[in-house]
C-alpha atoms as a PDB file:
ATOM      1  CA  MET A   1      -7.917 -62.906 -28.307  1.00  0.00           C
ATOM      2  CA  ASN A   2      -8.316 -59.940 -30.668  1.00  0.00           C
ATOM      3  CA  ALA A   3     -10.974 -59.404 -33.308  1.00  0.00           C
ATOM      4  CA  TYR A   4      -9.548 -57.681 -36.400  1.00  0.00           C
ATOM      5  CA  ILE A   5     -11.876 -55.531 -38.498  1.00  0.00           C
ATOM      6  CA  PHE A   6     -10.570 -54.053 -41.736  1.00  0.00           C
ATOM      7  CA  ASP A   7     -11.916 -51.559 -44.196  1.00  0.00           C
ATOM      8  CA  VAL A   8     -10.804 -52.813 -47.624  1.00  0.00           C
ATOM      9  CA  ASP A   9     -10.059 -49.912 -50.014  1.00  0.00           C
ATOM     10  CA  GLY A  10      -6.837 -48.220 -48.996  1.00  0.00           C
ATOM     11  CA  VAL A  11      -6.399 -50.597 -46.067  1.00  0.00           C
ATOM     12  CA  ILE A  12      -6.117 -54.085 -47.567  1.00  0.00           C
ATOM     13  CA  THR A  13      -5.965 -53.067 -51.225  1.00  0.00           C
ATOM     14  CA  ASN A  14      -3.784 -50.303 -52.617  1.00  0.00           C
ATOM     15  CA  PRO A  15      -5.904 -47.193 -53.339  1.00  0.00           C
ATOM     16  CA  TYR A  16      -4.070 -46.481 -56.584  1.00  0.00           C
ATOM     17  CA  LYS A  17      -4.076 -50.042 -57.978  1.00  0.00           C
ATOM     18  CA  LYS A  18      -7.289 -51.291 -56.265  1.00  0.00           C
ATOM     19  CA  GLN A  19      -5.570 -54.622 -55.682  1.00  0.00           C
ATOM     20  CA  VAL A  20      -3.658 -56.287 -52.869  1.00  0.00           C
ATOM     21  CA  LYS A  21      -0.073 -55.171 -53.395  1.00  0.00           C
ATOM     22  CA  GLU A  22       1.259 -55.948 -49.903  1.00  0.00           C
ATOM     23  CA  LYS A  23       0.869 -59.731 -49.993  1.00  0.00           C
ATOM     24  CA  GLU A  24       2.248 -60.039 -46.471  1.00  0.00           C
ATOM     25  CA  ILE A  25      -1.032 -58.571 -45.158  1.00  0.00           C
ATOM     26  CA  LEU A  26      -2.911 -61.622 -46.438  1.00  0.00           C
ATOM     27  CA  LYS A  27      -0.308 -63.964 -44.951  1.00  0.00           C
ATOM     28  CA  ILE A  28      -0.792 -62.357 -41.536  1.00  0.00           C
ATOM     29  CA  ILE A  29      -4.588 -62.510 -41.864  1.00  0.00           C
ATOM     30  CA  ALA A  30      -4.372 -66.173 -42.847  1.00  0.00           C
ATOM     31  CA  GLY A  31      -2.341 -66.759 -39.696  1.00  0.00           C
ATOM     32  CA  LYS A  32      -5.011 -65.066 -37.588  1.00  0.00           C
ATOM     33  CA  LEU A  33      -7.717 -67.269 -39.070  1.00  0.00           C
ATOM     34  CA  LYS A  34      -5.646 -70.394 -38.439  1.00  0.00           C
ATOM     35  CA  SER A  35      -5.231 -69.273 -34.810  1.00  0.00           C
ATOM     36  CA  ASN A  36      -9.027 -69.005 -34.509  1.00  0.00           C
ATOM     37  CA  GLU A  37      -8.948 -65.214 -34.172  1.00  0.00           C
ATOM     38  CA  PRO A  38     -11.978 -63.624 -35.872  1.00  0.00           C
ATOM     39  CA  VAL A  39     -11.304 -61.396 -38.868  1.00  0.00           C
ATOM     40  CA  ALA A  40     -13.886 -59.222 -40.593  1.00  0.00           C
ATOM     41  CA  PHE A  41     -13.839 -57.056 -43.715  1.00  0.00           C
ATOM     42  CA  ASN A  42     -16.187 -54.064 -43.509  1.00  0.00           C
ATOM     43  CA  THR A  43     -16.555 -52.299 -46.842  1.00  0.00           C
ATOM     44  CA  GLY A  44     -18.861 -50.402 -49.131  1.00  0.00           C
ATOM     45  CA  ARG A  45     -17.729 -52.646 -51.981  1.00  0.00           C
ATOM     46  CA  THR A  46     -19.823 -55.454 -53.372  1.00  0.00           C
ATOM     47  CA  ILE A  47     -19.208 -58.915 -51.978  1.00  0.00           C
ATOM     48  CA  GLN A  48     -18.094 -60.110 -55.420  1.00  0.00           C
ATOM     49  CA  TRP A  49     -15.471 -57.346 -55.623  1.00  0.00           C
ATOM     50  CA  VAL A  50     -14.027 -58.413 -52.265  1.00  0.00           C
ATOM     51  CA  VAL A  51     -14.066 -62.063 -53.310  1.00  0.00           C
ATOM     52  CA  ASP A  52     -12.259 -61.305 -56.566  1.00  0.00           C
ATOM     53  CA  ARG A  53      -9.651 -58.913 -55.146  1.00  0.00           C
ATOM     54  CA  VAL A  54      -9.086 -60.184 -51.589  1.00  0.00           C
ATOM     55  CA  ILE A  55     -10.718 -63.508 -50.721  1.00  0.00           C
ATOM     56  CA  THR A  56      -9.434 -65.411 -53.766  1.00  0.00           C
ATOM     57  CA  PRO A  57      -5.733 -64.643 -53.127  1.00  0.00           C
ATOM     58  CA  LEU A  58      -6.327 -65.247 -49.400  1.00  0.00           C
ATOM     59  CA  LEU A  59      -7.689 -68.730 -50.121  1.00  0.00           C
ATOM     60  CA  GLU A  60      -4.426 -69.609 -51.858  1.00  0.00           C
ATOM     61  CA  LEU A  61      -2.693 -69.280 -48.471  1.00  0.00           C
ATOM     62  CA  ILE A  62      -5.112 -71.536 -46.591  1.00  0.00           C
ATOM     63  CA  GLU A  63      -5.128 -75.327 -46.998  1.00  0.00           C
ATOM     64  CA  ASP A  64      -7.619 -76.159 -44.269  1.00  0.00           C
ATOM     65  CA  LYS A  65     -10.690 -74.320 -45.508  1.00  0.00           C
ATOM     66  CA  SER A  66     -12.536 -74.972 -42.243  1.00  0.00           C
ATOM     67  CA  VAL A  67     -10.672 -72.010 -40.688  1.00  0.00           C
ATOM     68  CA  LEU A  68     -12.699 -69.731 -42.968  1.00  0.00           C
ATOM     69  CA  ARG A  69     -15.503 -70.012 -40.390  1.00  0.00           C
ATOM     70  CA  ASN A  70     -13.451 -67.328 -38.559  1.00  0.00           C
ATOM     71  CA  LEU A  71     -13.923 -64.871 -41.457  1.00  0.00           C
ATOM     72  CA  PHE A  72     -16.885 -62.520 -41.881  1.00  0.00           C
ATOM     73  CA  VAL A  73     -17.304 -60.146 -44.831  1.00  0.00           C
ATOM     74  CA  VAL A  74     -19.771 -57.254 -44.830  1.00  0.00           C
ATOM     75  CA  GLY A  75     -20.375 -55.547 -48.173  1.00  0.00           C
ATOM     76  CA  GLU A  76     -22.267 -52.385 -49.104  1.00  0.00           C
ATOM     77  CA  LYS A  77     -21.880 -51.164 -45.495  1.00  0.00           C
ATOM     78  CA  GLY A  78     -24.198 -53.735 -44.020  1.00  0.00           C
ATOM     79  CA  GLY A  79     -26.571 -54.466 -46.872  1.00  0.00           C
ATOM     80  CA  ILE A  80     -24.953 -57.780 -47.828  1.00  0.00           C
ATOM     81  CA  TRP A  81     -22.711 -60.171 -45.904  1.00  0.00           C
ATOM     82  CA  LEU A  82     -20.750 -63.354 -46.440  1.00  0.00           C
ATOM     83  CA  THR A  83     -19.912 -66.183 -44.043  1.00  0.00           C
ATOM     84  CA  PHE A  84     -18.354 -69.617 -44.395  1.00  0.00           C
ATOM     85  CA  ASP A  85     -19.535 -72.941 -43.012  1.00  0.00           C
ATOM     86  CA  ARG A  86     -17.304 -75.602 -41.432  1.00  0.00           C
ATOM     87  CA  ASN A  87     -16.443 -76.962 -44.869  1.00  0.00           C
ATOM     88  CA  GLY A  88     -15.342 -73.580 -46.169  1.00  0.00           C
ATOM     89  CA  LYS A  89     -18.428 -73.103 -48.318  1.00  0.00           C
ATOM     90  CA  ALA A  90     -19.443 -69.464 -48.763  1.00  0.00           C
ATOM     91  CA  VAL A  91     -22.941 -68.338 -47.806  1.00  0.00           C
ATOM     92  CA  THR A  92     -24.161 -64.872 -48.884  1.00  0.00           C
ATOM     93  CA  LYS A  93     -27.133 -63.056 -47.358  1.00  0.00           C
ATOM     94  CA  ARG A  94     -28.809 -59.726 -48.135  1.00  0.00           C
ATOM     95  CA  ASP A  95     -30.975 -57.312 -46.161  1.00  0.00           C
ATOM     96  CA  TYR A  96     -33.958 -56.805 -48.490  1.00  0.00           C
ATOM     97  CA  SER A  97     -35.334 -53.996 -46.338  1.00  0.00           C
ATOM     98  CA  ILE A  98     -32.557 -51.720 -47.630  1.00  0.00           C
ATOM     99  CA  LEU A  99     -33.817 -50.182 -50.856  1.00  0.00           C
ATOM    100  CA  MET A 100     -32.827 -47.257 -53.086  1.00  0.00           C
ATOM    101  CA  LEU A 101     -35.123 -44.871 -54.967  1.00  0.00           C
ATOM    102  CA  GLN A 102     -35.126 -45.533 -58.716  1.00  0.00           C
ATOM    103  CA  ARG A 103     -35.331 -41.819 -59.590  1.00  0.00           C
ATOM    104  CA  LEU A 104     -32.357 -41.110 -57.338  1.00  0.00           C
ATOM    105  CA  GLN A 105     -30.421 -43.879 -59.038  1.00  0.00           C
ATOM    106  CA  ASP A 106     -31.278 -42.460 -62.463  1.00  0.00           C
ATOM    107  CA  ARG A 107     -30.260 -38.911 -61.597  1.00  0.00           C
ATOM    108  CA  LEU A 108     -26.952 -39.921 -60.036  1.00  0.00           C
ATOM    109  CA  ARG A 109     -26.159 -42.166 -62.979  1.00  0.00           C
ATOM    110  CA  THR A 110     -26.779 -39.190 -65.279  1.00  0.00           C
ATOM    111  CA  LEU A 111     -24.574 -37.024 -63.047  1.00  0.00           C
ATOM    112  CA  ALA A 112     -21.721 -39.495 -63.417  1.00  0.00           C
ATOM    113  CA  GLU A 113     -22.188 -39.980 -67.147  1.00  0.00           C
ATOM    114  CA  LYS A 114     -22.853 -36.364 -68.171  1.00  0.00           C
ATOM    115  CA  GLU A 115     -21.108 -34.021 -65.727  1.00  0.00           C
ATOM    116  CA  PHE A 116     -18.229 -36.092 -64.331  1.00  0.00           C
ATOM    117  CA  SER A 117     -17.637 -38.722 -66.993  1.00  0.00           C
ATOM    118  CA  ASP A 118     -13.926 -37.878 -67.189  1.00  0.00           C
ATOM    119  CA  TYR A 119     -13.434 -38.732 -63.525  1.00  0.00           C
ATOM    120  CA  VAL A 120     -15.984 -41.183 -62.116  1.00  0.00           C
ATOM    121  CA  PHE A 121     -18.267 -44.047 -63.070  1.00  0.00           C
ATOM    122  CA  TYR A 122     -21.574 -45.262 -61.676  1.00  0.00           C
ATOM    123  CA  ASP A 123     -21.124 -48.685 -60.062  1.00  0.00           C
ATOM    124  CA  ASP A 124     -24.123 -50.613 -61.371  1.00  0.00           C
ATOM    125  CA  LYS A 125     -23.173 -53.749 -59.445  1.00  0.00           C
ATOM    126  CA  LYS A 126     -24.331 -52.312 -56.112  1.00  0.00           C
ATOM    127  CA  GLN A 127     -27.657 -53.724 -54.887  1.00  0.00           C
ATOM    128  CA  THR A 128     -28.426 -51.669 -51.762  1.00  0.00           C
ATOM    129  CA  MET A 129     -26.594 -48.366 -52.309  1.00  0.00           C
ATOM    130  CA  ILE A 130     -25.243 -46.017 -54.977  1.00  0.00           C
ATOM    131  CA  THR A 131     -21.549 -45.387 -55.598  1.00  0.00           C
ATOM    132  CA  LEU A 132     -19.822 -42.890 -57.880  1.00  0.00           C
ATOM    133  CA  GLU A 133     -16.240 -44.104 -57.997  1.00  0.00           C
ATOM    134  CA  VAL A 134     -13.038 -42.646 -59.410  1.00  0.00           C
ATOM    135  CA  LYS A 135     -12.015 -44.218 -62.714  1.00  0.00           C
ATOM    136  CA  ASP A 136      -8.912 -46.406 -62.717  1.00  0.00           C
ATOM    137  CA  ASP A 137      -6.994 -44.092 -65.058  1.00  0.00           C
ATOM    138  CA  VAL A 138      -7.659 -40.925 -63.027  1.00  0.00           C
ATOM    139  CA  PRO A 139      -4.842 -39.955 -60.623  1.00  0.00           C
ATOM    140  CA  LEU A 140      -6.007 -39.814 -57.030  1.00  0.00           C
ATOM    141  CA  GLU A 141      -4.663 -36.260 -56.760  1.00  0.00           C
ATOM    142  CA  LYS A 142      -6.919 -35.155 -59.622  1.00  0.00           C
ATOM    143  CA  PHE A 143      -9.922 -36.878 -58.074  1.00  0.00           C
ATOM    144  CA  ASN A 144      -9.246 -35.044 -54.805  1.00  0.00           C
ATOM    145  CA  GLU A 145      -9.530 -31.752 -56.704  1.00  0.00           C
ATOM    146  CA  ILE A 146     -12.976 -32.442 -58.180  1.00  0.00           C
ATOM    147  CA  HIS A 147     -14.340 -34.503 -55.282  1.00  0.00           C
ATOM    148  CA  PRO A 148     -15.793 -31.501 -53.379  1.00  0.00           C
ATOM    149  CA  LEU A 149     -17.679 -30.372 -56.490  1.00  0.00           C
ATOM    150  CA  LEU A 150     -19.007 -33.893 -57.035  1.00  0.00           C
ATOM    151  CA  ASN A 151     -20.225 -33.987 -53.440  1.00  0.00           C
ATOM    152  CA  LYS A 152     -21.877 -30.595 -53.841  1.00  0.00           C
ATOM    153  CA  ARG A 153     -23.861 -31.794 -56.854  1.00  0.00           C
ATOM    154  CA  ILE A 154     -24.843 -35.007 -55.061  1.00  0.00           C
ATOM    155  CA  SER A 155     -26.050 -32.942 -52.106  1.00  0.00           C
ATOM    156  CA  GLU A 156     -28.150 -30.778 -54.410  1.00  0.00           C
ATOM    157  CA  ILE A 157     -29.783 -33.800 -56.028  1.00  0.00           C
ATOM    158  CA  LEU A 158     -30.491 -35.374 -52.661  1.00  0.00           C
ATOM    159  CA  SER A 159     -32.164 -32.201 -51.427  1.00  0.00           C
ATOM    160  CA  GLU A 160     -34.493 -32.319 -54.457  1.00  0.00           C
ATOM    161  CA  GLU A 161     -35.219 -36.055 -54.541  1.00  0.00           C
ATOM    162  CA  ASP A 162     -35.159 -36.888 -50.845  1.00  0.00           C
ATOM    163  CA  PRO A 163     -37.119 -34.225 -48.904  1.00  0.00           C
ATOM    164  CA  ASP A 164     -37.703 -36.672 -46.038  1.00  0.00           C
ATOM    165  CA  HIS A 165     -33.949 -37.203 -45.570  1.00  0.00           C
ATOM    166  CA  LYS A 166     -34.077 -40.975 -45.836  1.00  0.00           C
ATOM    167  CA  PHE A 167     -30.701 -41.089 -47.550  1.00  0.00           C
ATOM    168  CA  LYS A 168     -27.228 -39.654 -46.969  1.00  0.00           C
ATOM    169  CA  PHE A 169     -23.984 -39.342 -48.910  1.00  0.00           C
ATOM    170  CA  THR A 170     -20.591 -40.395 -47.567  1.00  0.00           C
ATOM    171  CA  PRO A 171     -17.309 -39.445 -49.285  1.00  0.00           C
ATOM    172  CA  THR A 172     -14.428 -41.912 -49.024  1.00  0.00           C
ATOM    173  CA  THR A 173     -10.917 -42.015 -50.444  1.00  0.00           C
ATOM    174  CA  LEU A 174     -11.999 -43.354 -53.847  1.00  0.00           C
ATOM    175  CA  ASP A 175     -15.673 -42.482 -54.184  1.00  0.00           C
ATOM    176  CA  THR A 176     -18.857 -41.047 -52.773  1.00  0.00           C
ATOM    177  CA  ASP A 177     -21.550 -43.411 -51.543  1.00  0.00           C
ATOM    178  CA  VAL A 178     -25.261 -42.629 -51.332  1.00  0.00           C
ATOM    179  CA  GLU A 179     -27.052 -44.900 -48.888  1.00  0.00           C
ATOM    180  CA  ASN A 180     -29.933 -45.298 -46.475  1.00  0.00           C
ATOM    181  CA  VAL A 181     -29.401 -43.164 -43.383  1.00  0.00           C
ATOM    182  CA  TYR A 182     -29.250 -46.151 -41.070  1.00  0.00           C
ATOM    183  CA  VAL A 183     -26.532 -48.065 -42.922  1.00  0.00           C
ATOM    184  CA  GLY A 184     -22.811 -47.368 -42.794  1.00  0.00           C
ATOM    185  CA  LYS A 185     -19.622 -48.698 -41.289  1.00  0.00           C
ATOM    186  CA  GLY A 186     -21.136 -48.496 -37.799  1.00  0.00           C
ATOM    187  CA  PHE A 187     -24.288 -50.306 -38.891  1.00  0.00           C
ATOM    188  CA  ALA A 188     -22.126 -53.059 -40.394  1.00  0.00           C
ATOM    189  CA  ILE A 189     -20.239 -53.385 -37.101  1.00  0.00           C
ATOM    190  CA  LYS A 190     -23.500 -54.493 -35.456  1.00  0.00           C
ATOM    191  CA  ARG A 191     -23.623 -57.392 -37.895  1.00  0.00           C
ATOM    192  CA  ILE A 192     -20.004 -58.274 -37.123  1.00  0.00           C
ATOM    193  CA  ILE A 193     -20.501 -58.172 -33.357  1.00  0.00           C
ATOM    194  CA  GLY A 194     -23.678 -60.217 -33.745  1.00  0.00           C
ATOM    195  CA  TRP A 195     -21.697 -62.846 -35.642  1.00  0.00           C
ATOM    196  CA  ILE A 196     -19.028 -62.941 -32.920  1.00  0.00           C
ATOM    197  CA  VAL A 197     -21.672 -63.327 -30.222  1.00  0.00           C
ATOM    198  CA  GLN A 198     -23.364 -66.096 -32.192  1.00  0.00           C
ATOM    199  CA  ARG A 199     -20.024 -67.898 -32.464  1.00  0.00           C
ATOM    200  CA  ASN A 200     -19.491 -67.539 -28.691  1.00  0.00           C
ATOM    201  CA  ILE A 201     -16.043 -66.042 -29.219  1.00  0.00           C
ATOM    202  CA  ASP A 202     -14.594 -64.324 -26.155  1.00  0.00           C
ATOM    203  CA  ILE A 203     -12.883 -61.123 -27.327  1.00  0.00           C
ATOM    204  CA  ASP A 204     -10.281 -59.203 -25.316  1.00  0.00           C
ATOM    205  CA  ARG A 205     -10.038 -56.313 -27.776  1.00  0.00           C
ATOM    206  CA  PHE A 206     -11.249 -55.133 -31.166  1.00  0.00           C
ATOM    207  CA  VAL A 207      -8.655 -53.753 -33.595  1.00  0.00           C
ATOM    208  CA  THR A 208     -10.214 -51.694 -36.395  1.00  0.00           C
ATOM    209  CA  PHE A 209      -8.417 -50.324 -39.455  1.00  0.00           C
ATOM    210  CA  GLY A 210      -9.514 -47.379 -41.597  1.00  0.00           C
ATOM    211  CA  ASP A 211      -8.224 -44.696 -43.949  1.00  0.00           C
ATOM    212  CA  SER A 212     -11.088 -42.162 -44.016  1.00  0.00           C
ATOM    213  CA  PRO A 213     -13.336 -40.337 -41.511  1.00  0.00           C
ATOM    214  CA  ALA A 214     -16.213 -42.688 -42.366  1.00  0.00           C
ATOM    215  CA  ASP A 215     -14.198 -45.621 -41.056  1.00  0.00           C
ATOM    216  CA  ALA A 216     -14.131 -44.112 -37.573  1.00  0.00           C
ATOM    217  CA  GLU A 217     -17.807 -45.085 -37.354  1.00  0.00           C
ATOM    218  CA  MET A 218     -16.624 -48.638 -36.766  1.00  0.00           C
ATOM    219  CA  ALA A 219     -14.705 -47.669 -33.657  1.00  0.00           C
ATOM    220  CA  HIS A 220     -17.493 -45.379 -32.432  1.00  0.00           C
ATOM    221  CA  GLU A 221     -20.014 -48.229 -32.575  1.00  0.00           C
ATOM    222  CA  ILE A 222     -17.707 -50.609 -30.718  1.00  0.00           C
ATOM    223  CA  TYR A 223     -17.000 -47.912 -28.124  1.00  0.00           C
ATOM    224  CA  SER A 224     -20.735 -47.288 -27.666  1.00  0.00           C
ATOM    225  CA  GLN A 225     -21.091 -50.953 -26.753  1.00  0.00           C
ATOM    226  CA  GLU A 226     -18.383 -50.501 -24.096  1.00  0.00           C
ATOM    227  CA  GLN A 227     -15.998 -52.904 -25.774  1.00  0.00           C
ATOM    228  CA  PRO A 228     -12.196 -52.452 -25.571  1.00  0.00           C
ATOM    229  CA  LEU A 229     -10.688 -51.354 -28.876  1.00  0.00           C
ATOM    230  CA  ILE A 230      -7.965 -49.575 -30.752  1.00  0.00           C
ATOM    231  CA  TYR A 231      -8.568 -47.658 -33.989  1.00  0.00           C
ATOM    232  CA  VAL A 232      -5.651 -47.934 -36.423  1.00  0.00           C
ATOM    233  CA  TYR A 233      -5.689 -45.024 -38.869  1.00  0.00           C
ATOM    234  CA  VAL A 234      -3.714 -45.461 -42.100  1.00  0.00           C
ATOM    235  CA  GLY A 235      -5.088 -42.507 -44.103  1.00  0.00           C
ATOM    236  CA  GLU A 236      -3.101 -39.633 -45.587  1.00  0.00           C
ATOM    237  CA  LYS A 237      -5.249 -36.807 -44.247  1.00  0.00           C
ATOM    238  CA  PRO A 238      -4.873 -35.828 -40.558  1.00  0.00           C
ATOM    239  CA  LEU A 239      -7.532 -37.055 -38.171  1.00  0.00           C
ATOM    240  CA  GLU A 240     -10.212 -34.403 -37.844  1.00  0.00           C
ATOM    241  CA  GLU A 241     -11.008 -34.928 -34.178  1.00  0.00           C
ATOM    242  CA  ASN A 242      -9.818 -36.404 -30.917  1.00  0.00           C
ATOM    243  CA  TYR A 243     -11.594 -39.688 -30.322  1.00  0.00           C
ATOM    244  CA  PRO A 244     -12.640 -41.050 -26.919  1.00  0.00           C
ATOM    245  CA  PHE A 245     -10.998 -44.391 -27.709  1.00  0.00           C
ATOM    246  CA  GLU A 246      -7.384 -45.384 -28.260  1.00  0.00           C
ATOM    247  CA  THR A 247      -6.001 -44.552 -31.691  1.00  0.00           C
ATOM    248  CA  TYR A 248      -2.833 -45.536 -33.524  1.00  0.00           C
ATOM    249  CA  ILE A 249      -1.699 -43.429 -36.468  1.00  0.00           C
ATOM    250  CA  THR A 250       0.723 -45.281 -38.709  1.00  0.00           C
ATOM    251  CA  HIS A 251       3.815 -43.691 -40.227  1.00  0.00           C
ATOM    252  CA  GLU A 252       3.297 -45.464 -43.563  1.00  0.00           C
ATOM    253  CA  LYS A 253      -0.033 -44.828 -45.283  1.00  0.00           C
ATOM    254  CA  PHE A 254      -2.815 -46.943 -46.724  1.00  0.00           C
ATOM    255  CA  ASP A 255      -2.002 -50.651 -47.209  1.00  0.00           C
ATOM    256  CA  ARG A 256       1.617 -50.094 -46.189  1.00  0.00           C
ATOM    257  CA  GLY A 257       0.340 -48.573 -42.954  1.00  0.00           C
ATOM    258  CA  THR A 258      -1.753 -51.670 -42.312  1.00  0.00           C
ATOM    259  CA  LEU A 259       1.284 -53.864 -42.846  1.00  0.00           C
ATOM    260  CA  GLU A 260       3.304 -51.610 -40.556  1.00  0.00           C
ATOM    261  CA  TYR A 261       0.871 -52.061 -37.665  1.00  0.00           C
ATOM    262  CA  LEU A 262       0.355 -55.794 -38.192  1.00  0.00           C
ATOM    263  CA  THR A 263       4.091 -56.411 -38.380  1.00  0.00           C
ATOM    264  CA  LYS A 264       4.829 -54.481 -35.189  1.00  0.00           C
ATOM    265  CA  ASN A 265       1.791 -55.241 -33.054  1.00  0.00           C
ATOM    266  CA  ALA A 266      -0.124 -58.281 -34.227  1.00  0.00           C
END
């Protein structure tokens, strides 16, 4: 019995189209759910974004909605999460202890709208974090060129507005997130493992999928809890370090890499 944990951007959805292009991925995930294997999505996206782009097309492949009790969705890196009851009804919960400074929100919104308006937008749908995301019409290669400068400006603003270091910024493939220091992909994993424990599911191995260095936090948290795992890396950039846990680097990249692994190994 494996537990499958997926980042969403660049892993389930195509990073250029921001939609599910490899439909076979959803068919395989639907099969896992029907086999009572737990599946979790761990993302910085809003829950509604995941529902619109991933859950809705997934539901089209599932007749017996009761199997959705095997699906757990964590949004905003642990700030919000979604589960399903035995009837397939969605239940959303939020951690109201995770807050963001209003002045920090205002300054980063101004940064996006004044200095980087040609490249990014401020995602005003986030409730527990701040995201400056690449615009849909900006080529990913161009975003990669300006991304370091964007991060530099974010760092400068944080140093001015957050002298107590209560917040951090995390670059990903498509954006930069600003969040409370204790949230992140690893923090969200604790929610996922807690859900699995609550369900009394006996897991032989965790299989985590990511496309950026931030996603390795998922595997690190599982490893720290002495659980067997494999980290499947589908990103374009080389891994920056040797990890203490088993890794699998796909030949294909992003969503095609995910499909490659699932087709061969799942």
